[in-house]
Amino acid sequence: MAHDLAKIWKSKIASIDDPDGVEFDLRNLSPGGDAGNCSHGNAGGVGHRPISGQTDPLSISEAPAAKFQVRINQRISDFVRVQYRGIAILNPATNQINKIVGSKRTVRFPFLPAEAPEVADDKREAQALVTQEEGTWVATQP
């Protein structure tokens, strides 16, 4: 059986087409939620790059429409990674999941190995300076 999110999704940031690609192709999302065989790019598969990530089912009594936590990563280059984090929401009128709402951030260099805590703290502080929040991410069905 296909995963509930195994579809093509239109990606927007702050209500504008996502400059890193307007289309998430999650049709190859594994039944367990692994996005390792999926891609992200422009409409029609143009410029699509591989993504990684995971979707995990949610069961929150206070928010029954929240069905999946979505974590997607895309490496743009050796020094740039884009992270998408969101919640897939069930539309009760159609009983379909047709929206993911969350945030996007760009992490620019470095991807650091684990080191001694005092060195790691200094590098984490430096890394925070090169992380940029892009805004609210919304993925919908085209």
Protein backbone atom coordinates (compact mmCIF):
# COMPACT_ATOMS: atom_id res chain seq x y z
CA MET A 1 0.00 0.00 0.00
CA ALA A 2 1.28 3.47 -0.90
CA HIS A 3 2.10 6.02 1.78
CA ASP A 4 -0.56 8.71 2.33
CA LEU A 5 1.93 11.41 1.29
CA ALA A 6 3.21 9.60 -1.84
CA LYS A 7 2.10 12.32 -4.26
CA ILE A 8 3.47 15.37 -6.05
CA TRP A 9 3.32 18.46 -3.84
CA LYS A 10 3.52 22.16 -4.80
CA SER A 11 5.98 24.04 -2.56
CA LYS A 12 5.59 27.68 -1.49
CA ILE A 13 7.51 29.84 0.94
CA ALA A 14 5.61 32.77 2.49
CA SER A 15 2.91 32.34 -0.22
CA ILE A 16 5.46 32.60 -3.08
CA ASP A 17 6.75 29.74 -5.24
CA ASP A 18 9.75 28.13 -3.53
CA PRO A 19 12.92 29.45 -5.26
CA ASP A 20 14.63 26.08 -4.65
CA GLY A 21 11.89 24.27 -6.58
CA VAL A 22 8.12 24.33 -6.72
CA GLU A 23 7.60 20.58 -6.86
CA PHE A 24 8.24 17.83 -4.31
CA ASP A 25 7.89 14.45 -5.98
CA LEU A 26 7.12 12.10 -3.10
CA ARG A 27 5.57 9.38 -5.25
CA ASN A 28 8.45 7.04 -4.31
CA LEU A 29 8.02 7.62 -0.56
CA SER A 30 8.42 4.24 1.09
CA PRO A 31 5.49 2.75 3.05
CA GLY A 32 7.58 3.38 6.20
CA GLY A 33 7.98 7.08 5.34
CA ASP A 34 11.58 7.17 3.99
CA ALA A 35 12.02 9.94 1.38
CA GLY A 36 15.41 8.70 0.13
CA ASN A 37 14.06 7.83 -3.33
CA CYS A 38 12.21 11.13 -3.81
CA SER A 39 13.18 14.46 -5.39
CA HIS A 40 12.56 18.22 -5.35
CA GLY A 41 12.86 20.76 -8.14
CA ASN A 42 10.85 22.65 -10.71
CA ALA A 43 7.55 21.58 -12.23
CA GLY A 44 7.62 18.65 -14.61
CA GLY A 45 10.77 17.18 -13.08
CA VAL A 46 13.07 19.95 -14.38
CA GLY A 47 16.17 20.36 -12.23
CA HIS A 48 15.02 17.81 -9.67
CA ARG A 49 17.61 16.83 -7.06
CA PRO A 50 17.49 13.91 -4.66
CA ILE A 51 16.21 14.51 -1.15
CA SER A 52 16.42 12.59 2.08
CA GLY A 53 14.17 12.61 5.06
CA GLN A 54 11.47 10.86 6.96
CA THR A 55 7.77 11.14 7.70
CA ASP A 56 6.47 9.82 11.00
CA PRO A 57 2.83 9.24 11.93
CA LEU A 58 1.36 11.47 14.62
CA SER A 59 -1.46 10.79 17.04
CA ILE A 60 -2.26 13.94 19.01
CA SER A 61 -5.65 14.04 20.71
CA GLU A 62 -5.60 17.87 20.83
CA ALA A 63 -4.86 18.07 17.09
CA PRO A 64 -6.50 15.07 15.40
CA ALA A 65 -6.00 16.50 11.87
CA ALA A 66 -2.19 16.46 12.32
CA LYS A 67 -1.30 13.12 10.72
CA PHE A 68 2.45 13.13 9.94
CA GLN A 69 5.58 14.93 11.00
CA VAL A 70 7.57 15.66 7.81
CA ARG A 71 11.36 16.18 7.78
CA ILE A 72 12.97 16.68 4.39
CA ASN A 73 16.60 17.57 3.65
CA GLN A 74 18.08 18.59 0.33
CA ARG A 75 21.76 19.14 -0.27
CA ILE A 76 22.09 21.98 -2.78
CA SER A 77 25.89 21.85 -2.84
CA ASP A 78 28.76 20.68 -0.66
CA PHE A 79 28.21 23.77 1.48
CA VAL A 80 24.45 24.35 1.38
CA ARG A 81 21.63 22.21 2.74
CA VAL A 82 17.94 23.11 2.78
CA GLN A 83 15.73 21.71 5.54
CA TYR A 84 11.95 21.50 5.38
CA ARG A 85 10.04 20.66 8.56
CA GLY A 86 6.27 20.42 8.75
CA ILE A 87 3.07 18.71 9.74
CA ALA A 88 0.82 16.98 7.20
CA ILE A 89 -2.80 17.92 7.86
CA LEU A 90 -5.93 15.93 7.10
CA ASN A 91 -8.82 17.80 5.47
CA PRO A 92 -11.89 16.39 7.26
CA ALA A 93 -14.22 17.44 4.42
CA THR A 94 -12.43 15.20 1.90
CA ASN A 95 -10.75 12.79 4.33
CA GLN A 96 -7.52 13.43 2.38
CA ILE A 97 -4.18 14.86 3.40
CA ASN A 98 -3.73 17.78 1.03
CA LYS A 99 -1.56 20.24 2.95
CA ILE A 100 1.78 20.26 4.75
CA VAL A 101 2.53 23.33 6.86
CA GLY A 102 5.89 24.08 8.43
CA SER A 103 9.12 25.98 7.94
CA LYS A 104 12.10 26.06 5.63
CA ARG A 105 15.64 26.96 6.55
CA THR A 106 18.89 27.07 4.64
CA VAL A 107 22.04 25.89 6.37
CA ARG A 108 25.21 27.18 4.76
CA PHE A 109 28.44 25.35 5.50
CA PRO A 110 29.96 23.73 7.57
CA PHE A 111 28.69 20.23 8.20
CA LEU A 112 30.86 19.52 11.18
CA PRO A 113 32.04 16.22 12.65
CA ALA A 114 31.57 15.54 16.35
CA GLU A 115 34.38 17.00 18.44
CA ALA A 116 35.26 17.82 22.03
CA PRO A 117 32.39 19.74 23.70
CA GLU A 118 34.27 23.05 24.03
CA VAL A 119 35.23 23.01 20.34
CA ALA A 120 31.77 21.85 19.31
CA ASP A 121 30.13 24.73 21.24
CA ASP A 122 32.27 27.31 19.42
CA LYS A 123 31.52 25.73 16.05
CA ARG A 124 27.78 25.43 16.79
CA GLU A 125 27.72 29.14 17.54
CA ALA A 126 29.50 29.86 14.25
CA GLN A 127 27.19 27.51 12.38
CA ALA A 128 24.14 29.30 13.79
CA LEU A 129 25.39 32.45 12.12
CA VAL A 130 25.18 30.80 8.71
CA THR A 131 21.69 29.34 9.18
CA GLN A 132 18.90 31.36 7.65
CA GLU A 133 15.20 30.88 8.32
CA GLU A 134 13.39 31.23 5.02
CA GLY A 135 9.83 31.47 6.34
CA THR A 136 6.63 29.49 6.42
CA TRP A 137 6.59 26.50 4.12
CA VAL A 138 3.31 25.23 2.68
CA ALA A 139 3.03 22.26 0.36
CA THR A 140 -0.30 21.60 -1.34
CA GLN A 141 -1.69 19.37 -4.03
CA PRO A 142 -1.25 21.01 -7.46
